[in-house]
Amino acid sequence: MSKIEKELKFKIDDPIKIMTKIGGVKPEKSYIKDEIYGRSNKPKIRKRTIVNEIGKVIVSYEKTEKIKSEITKKTKETKLGGLPKEYSFENGYEKIRYHYKRNDYDIMIDFYAIGIFCEIEGKEETINKKAKELGLKNPIKENIDEYYCNESKKRGQEPNLFWGFGKTW
């Protein structure tokens, strides 16, 4: 299944304030471990392992191509069953996610070792409206992998291959 999604991602300092403003139906909570694999001139493949609140483990694969700066094409590869041998591990990370599902958009609050981010996905008009309602400004343009690598370079550090809760800046 392939879909084009519009998303905005914001670095936030006060997740409680944002979560309170979101309100409504309780979010789904999960632990997520993402591993990013690449190959030159090919879409990246993300292996995602999710452990949901009741302990169910779900593993999926997804090819990701950037169409525009804020539009990503993601293709689920549920039958991949592993990674093509020509792909190599680039980086990985873990996060705790609070996922607020709404009728025509989704809001995620992600707690990473490198900070807390709010991501809104849906139709452009809807997500811009929700971002304004939540008081969110200045979305980051990169995906979280690019953000981490760029921030590491700004600090004069090489990006770690895997950054989890045991590793911080």
C-alpha atoms as a PDB file:
ATOM      1  CA  MET A   1       0.000   0.000   0.000  1.00  0.00           C
ATOM      2  CA  SER A   2       1.377   3.408  -0.982  1.00  0.00           C
ATOM      3  CA  LYS A   3       0.200   6.776   0.245  1.00  0.00           C
ATOM      4  CA  ILE A   4       1.325  10.366   0.032  1.00  0.00           C
ATOM      5  CA  GLU A   5       1.147  12.100   3.386  1.00  0.00           C
ATOM      6  CA  LYS A   6       1.691  15.672   4.455  1.00  0.00           C
ATOM      7  CA  GLU A   7       3.299  16.122   7.830  1.00  0.00           C
ATOM      8  CA  LEU A   8       4.688  18.854  10.016  1.00  0.00           C
ATOM      9  CA  LYS A   9       7.153  18.132  12.825  1.00  0.00           C
ATOM     10  CA  PHE A  10       7.989  20.533  15.655  1.00  0.00           C
ATOM     11  CA  LYS A  11      10.595  20.343  18.415  1.00  0.00           C
ATOM     12  CA  ILE A  12       8.751  21.069  21.658  1.00  0.00           C
ATOM     13  CA  ASP A  13       9.809  21.890  25.202  1.00  0.00           C
ATOM     14  CA  ASP A  14       6.536  21.393  27.086  1.00  0.00           C
ATOM     15  CA  PRO A  15       4.768  18.169  26.058  1.00  0.00           C
ATOM     16  CA  ILE A  16       2.263  18.415  28.934  1.00  0.00           C
ATOM     17  CA  LYS A  17       1.015  21.754  27.606  1.00  0.00           C
ATOM     18  CA  ILE A  18       0.566  20.314  24.085  1.00  0.00           C
ATOM     19  CA  MET A  19      -1.064  17.094  25.330  1.00  0.00           C
ATOM     20  CA  THR A  20      -3.501  19.120  27.448  1.00  0.00           C
ATOM     21  CA  LYS A  21      -4.443  21.259  24.443  1.00  0.00           C
ATOM     22  CA  ILE A  22      -4.977  18.150  22.285  1.00  0.00           C
ATOM     23  CA  GLY A  23      -7.396  16.664  24.823  1.00  0.00           C
ATOM     24  CA  GLY A  24     -10.149  14.300  23.699  1.00  0.00           C
ATOM     25  CA  VAL A  25      -9.727  10.573  23.283  1.00  0.00           C
ATOM     26  CA  LYS A  26      -6.808   9.036  25.182  1.00  0.00           C
ATOM     27  CA  PRO A  27      -3.718   8.426  23.019  1.00  0.00           C
ATOM     28  CA  GLU A  28      -2.284   5.041  22.126  1.00  0.00           C
ATOM     29  CA  LYS A  29       1.129   4.593  23.733  1.00  0.00           C
ATOM     30  CA  SER A  30       3.957   2.520  22.321  1.00  0.00           C
ATOM     31  CA  TYR A  31       7.701   1.904  22.325  1.00  0.00           C
ATOM     32  CA  ILE A  32       9.152   2.107  18.815  1.00  0.00           C
ATOM     33  CA  LYS A  33      12.565   1.066  17.540  1.00  0.00           C
ATOM     34  CA  ASP A  34      13.359   2.219  13.997  1.00  0.00           C
ATOM     35  CA  GLU A  35      16.330   0.967  12.006  1.00  0.00           C
ATOM     36  CA  ILE A  36      17.160   2.793   8.774  1.00  0.00           C
ATOM     37  CA  TYR A  37      18.827   0.945   5.902  1.00  0.00           C
ATOM     38  CA  GLY A  38      20.078   2.572   2.740  1.00  0.00           C
ATOM     39  CA  ARG A  39      21.670   2.088  -0.606  1.00  0.00           C
ATOM     40  CA  SER A  40      22.906   4.804  -2.940  1.00  0.00           C
ATOM     41  CA  ASN A  41      20.259   6.227  -5.289  1.00  0.00           C
ATOM     42  CA  LYS A  42      17.520   3.997  -3.848  1.00  0.00           C
ATOM     43  CA  PRO A  43      14.688   4.665  -1.403  1.00  0.00           C
ATOM     44  CA  LYS A  44      15.591   3.991   2.209  1.00  0.00           C
ATOM     45  CA  ILE A  45      13.991   1.096   4.034  1.00  0.00           C
ATOM     46  CA  ARG A  46      12.867   1.513   7.613  1.00  0.00           C
ATOM     47  CA  LYS A  47      12.450  -1.565   9.786  1.00  0.00           C
ATOM     48  CA  ARG A  48      10.059  -0.624  12.572  1.00  0.00           C
ATOM     49  CA  THR A  49       9.502  -2.690  15.702  1.00  0.00           C
ATOM     50  CA  ILE A  50       6.558  -1.543  17.814  1.00  0.00           C
ATOM     51  CA  VAL A  51       5.649  -2.776  21.267  1.00  0.00           C
ATOM     52  CA  ASN A  52       2.170  -1.482  22.075  1.00  0.00           C
ATOM     53  CA  GLU A  53       0.686  -0.890  25.532  1.00  0.00           C
ATOM     54  CA  ILE A  54      -0.522  -4.472  25.898  1.00  0.00           C
ATOM     55  CA  GLY A  55       2.860  -5.945  24.908  1.00  0.00           C
ATOM     56  CA  LYS A  56       2.079  -6.971  21.338  1.00  0.00           C
ATOM     57  CA  VAL A  57       5.148  -6.788  19.073  1.00  0.00           C
ATOM     58  CA  ILE A  58       4.671  -5.695  15.459  1.00  0.00           C
ATOM     59  CA  VAL A  59       7.505  -5.601  12.893  1.00  0.00           C
ATOM     60  CA  SER A  60       7.052  -3.833   9.566  1.00  0.00           C
ATOM     61  CA  TYR A  61       9.168  -2.559   6.703  1.00  0.00           C
ATOM     62  CA  GLU A  62       8.607   0.644   4.795  1.00  0.00           C
ATOM     63  CA  LYS A  63      10.307   2.218   1.790  1.00  0.00           C
ATOM     64  CA  THR A  64      10.477   5.986   2.077  1.00  0.00           C
ATOM     65  CA  GLU A  65      11.027   8.493  -0.710  1.00  0.00           C
ATOM     66  CA  LYS A  66      10.923  12.250  -0.279  1.00  0.00           C
ATOM     67  CA  ILE A  67       8.731  13.818  -2.979  1.00  0.00           C
ATOM     68  CA  LYS A  68       9.005  17.430  -1.742  1.00  0.00           C
ATOM     69  CA  SER A  69      10.428  18.931   1.438  1.00  0.00           C
ATOM     70  CA  GLU A  70       7.258  18.154   3.406  1.00  0.00           C
ATOM     71  CA  ILE A  71       5.730  15.358   1.310  1.00  0.00           C
ATOM     72  CA  THR A  72       6.891  11.780   1.698  1.00  0.00           C
ATOM     73  CA  LYS A  73       5.867   8.681  -0.226  1.00  0.00           C
ATOM     74  CA  LYS A  74       5.840   5.641   2.019  1.00  0.00           C
ATOM     75  CA  THR A  75       5.316   2.139   0.716  1.00  0.00           C
ATOM     76  CA  LYS A  76       4.614  -0.599   3.271  1.00  0.00           C
ATOM     77  CA  GLU A  77       6.518  -3.792   2.609  1.00  0.00           C
ATOM     78  CA  THR A  78       4.740  -6.217   4.896  1.00  0.00           C
ATOM     79  CA  LYS A  79       5.812  -9.279   2.896  1.00  0.00           C
ATOM     80  CA  LEU A  80       9.464  -8.267   2.658  1.00  0.00           C
ATOM     81  CA  GLY A  81      10.403 -10.635   5.479  1.00  0.00           C
ATOM     82  CA  GLY A  82      13.841  -9.117   5.766  1.00  0.00           C
ATOM     83  CA  LEU A  83      16.099  -6.685   3.989  1.00  0.00           C
ATOM     84  CA  PRO A  84      17.668  -6.981   0.547  1.00  0.00           C
ATOM     85  CA  LYS A  85      21.360  -7.859   0.949  1.00  0.00           C
ATOM     86  CA  GLU A  86      22.509  -4.746  -0.931  1.00  0.00           C
ATOM     87  CA  TYR A  87      21.074  -2.477   1.785  1.00  0.00           C
ATOM     88  CA  SER A  88      23.265  -1.535   4.739  1.00  0.00           C
ATOM     89  CA  PHE A  89      22.427  -0.208   8.194  1.00  0.00           C
ATOM     90  CA  GLU A  90      22.697   3.601   8.389  1.00  0.00           C
ATOM     91  CA  ASN A  91      21.262   4.539  11.761  1.00  0.00           C
ATOM     92  CA  GLY A  92      18.537   3.765  14.233  1.00  0.00           C
ATOM     93  CA  TYR A  93      16.696   5.211  17.160  1.00  0.00           C
ATOM     94  CA  GLU A  94      14.087   4.455  19.759  1.00  0.00           C
ATOM     95  CA  LYS A  95      11.211   6.530  21.027  1.00  0.00           C
ATOM     96  CA  ILE A  96       8.147   6.492  23.204  1.00  0.00           C
ATOM     97  CA  ARG A  97       5.099   7.624  21.187  1.00  0.00           C
ATOM     98  CA  TYR A  98       1.754   9.046  22.257  1.00  0.00           C
ATOM     99  CA  HIS A  99      -0.479   8.748  19.188  1.00  0.00           C
ATOM    100  CA  TYR A 100      -3.695  10.766  19.058  1.00  0.00           C
ATOM    101  CA  LYS A 101      -5.881   9.437  16.231  1.00  0.00           C
ATOM    102  CA  ARG A 102      -8.546  11.794  14.959  1.00  0.00           C
ATOM    103  CA  ASN A 103     -11.000  11.553  12.047  1.00  0.00           C
ATOM    104  CA  ASP A 104      -8.974  13.443   9.459  1.00  0.00           C
ATOM    105  CA  TYR A 105      -5.536  13.855  11.048  1.00  0.00           C
ATOM    106  CA  ASP A 106      -3.104  12.291  13.506  1.00  0.00           C
ATOM    107  CA  ILE A 107      -0.955  13.919  16.175  1.00  0.00           C
ATOM    108  CA  MET A 108       2.035  12.139  17.646  1.00  0.00           C
ATOM    109  CA  ILE A 109       4.155  13.250  20.593  1.00  0.00           C
ATOM    110  CA  ASP A 110       7.488  11.440  20.333  1.00  0.00           C
ATOM    111  CA  PHE A 111      10.013  11.262  23.164  1.00  0.00           C
ATOM    112  CA  TYR A 112      13.518  10.598  21.770  1.00  0.00           C
ATOM    113  CA  ALA A 113      16.902  10.619  23.472  1.00  0.00           C
ATOM    114  CA  ILE A 114      17.593  13.828  21.503  1.00  0.00           C
ATOM    115  CA  GLY A 115      14.413  15.686  22.457  1.00  0.00           C
ATOM    116  CA  ILE A 116      10.631  15.766  22.245  1.00  0.00           C
ATOM    117  CA  PHE A 117       8.806  16.316  18.974  1.00  0.00           C
ATOM    118  CA  CYS A 118       5.194  16.812  17.928  1.00  0.00           C
ATOM    119  CA  GLU A 119       4.206  15.544  14.487  1.00  0.00           C
ATOM    120  CA  ILE A 120       0.896  16.260  12.773  1.00  0.00           C
ATOM    121  CA  GLU A 121      -0.153  14.258   9.694  1.00  0.00           C
ATOM    122  CA  GLY A 122      -3.123  14.757   7.395  1.00  0.00           C
ATOM    123  CA  LYS A 123      -4.401  17.187   4.793  1.00  0.00           C
ATOM    124  CA  GLU A 124      -2.348  20.365   4.532  1.00  0.00           C
ATOM    125  CA  GLU A 125      -5.179  22.726   5.514  1.00  0.00           C
ATOM    126  CA  THR A 126      -6.084  20.603   8.553  1.00  0.00           C
ATOM    127  CA  ILE A 127      -2.561  20.188   9.890  1.00  0.00           C
ATOM    128  CA  ASN A 128      -1.763  23.896   9.471  1.00  0.00           C
ATOM    129  CA  LYS A 129      -4.940  24.736  11.419  1.00  0.00           C
ATOM    130  CA  LYS A 130      -4.100  22.231  14.189  1.00  0.00           C
ATOM    131  CA  ALA A 131      -0.520  23.481  14.458  1.00  0.00           C
ATOM    132  CA  LYS A 132      -1.809  27.036  14.903  1.00  0.00           C
ATOM    133  CA  GLU A 133      -4.385  25.908  17.525  1.00  0.00           C
ATOM    134  CA  LEU A 134      -1.614  24.168  19.474  1.00  0.00           C
ATOM    135  CA  GLY A 135       0.650  27.221  19.240  1.00  0.00           C
ATOM    136  CA  LEU A 136       3.291  25.342  17.248  1.00  0.00           C
ATOM    137  CA  LYS A 137       5.605  27.400  15.047  1.00  0.00           C
ATOM    138  CA  ASN A 138       8.709  26.834  12.953  1.00  0.00           C
ATOM    139  CA  PRO A 139       8.394  23.207  11.858  1.00  0.00           C
ATOM    140  CA  ILE A 140      11.615  21.356  11.209  1.00  0.00           C
ATOM    141  CA  LYS A 141      12.098  20.581   7.523  1.00  0.00           C
ATOM    142  CA  GLU A 142      14.070  17.354   7.902  1.00  0.00           C
ATOM    143  CA  ASN A 143      12.898  13.930   8.937  1.00  0.00           C
ATOM    144  CA  ILE A 144      14.178  12.865  12.347  1.00  0.00           C
ATOM    145  CA  ASP A 145      17.200  11.015  10.884  1.00  0.00           C
ATOM    146  CA  GLU A 146      18.331  14.083   8.940  1.00  0.00           C
ATOM    147  CA  TYR A 147      17.641  16.328  11.938  1.00  0.00           C
ATOM    148  CA  TYR A 148      19.809  14.187  14.215  1.00  0.00           C
ATOM    149  CA  CYS A 149      22.676  13.984  11.701  1.00  0.00           C
ATOM    150  CA  ASN A 150      22.572  17.759  11.063  1.00  0.00           C
ATOM    151  CA  GLU A 151      22.469  18.577  14.780  1.00  0.00           C
ATOM    152  CA  SER A 152      25.406  16.225  15.417  1.00  0.00           C
ATOM    153  CA  LYS A 153      27.453  17.950  12.701  1.00  0.00           C
ATOM    154  CA  LYS A 154      26.632  21.390  14.172  1.00  0.00           C
ATOM    155  CA  ARG A 155      28.049  20.130  17.475  1.00  0.00           C
ATOM    156  CA  GLY A 156      31.185  18.815  15.764  1.00  0.00           C
ATOM    157  CA  GLN A 157      30.202  15.205  16.408  1.00  0.00           C
ATOM    158  CA  GLU A 158      29.794  12.246  14.135  1.00  0.00           C
ATOM    159  CA  PRO A 159      26.252  10.863  14.260  1.00  0.00           C
ATOM    160  CA  ASN A 160      26.022   7.672  16.285  1.00  0.00           C
ATOM    161  CA  LEU A 161      24.825   4.716  14.315  1.00  0.00           C
ATOM    162  CA  PHE A 162      22.181   4.008  16.924  1.00  0.00           C
ATOM    163  CA  TRP A 163      20.824   6.499  19.440  1.00  0.00           C
ATOM    164  CA  GLY A 164      18.595   5.322  22.157  1.00  0.00           C
ATOM    165  CA  PHE A 165      17.656   6.309  25.660  1.00  0.00           C
ATOM    166  CA  GLY A 166      21.043   5.236  27.009  1.00  0.00           C
ATOM    167  CA  LYS A 167      22.787   7.803  24.758  1.00  0.00           C
ATOM    168  CA  THR A 168      22.325  11.548  24.961  1.00  0.00           C
ATOM    169  CA  TRP A 169      24.191  14.568  23.701  1.00  0.00           C
END
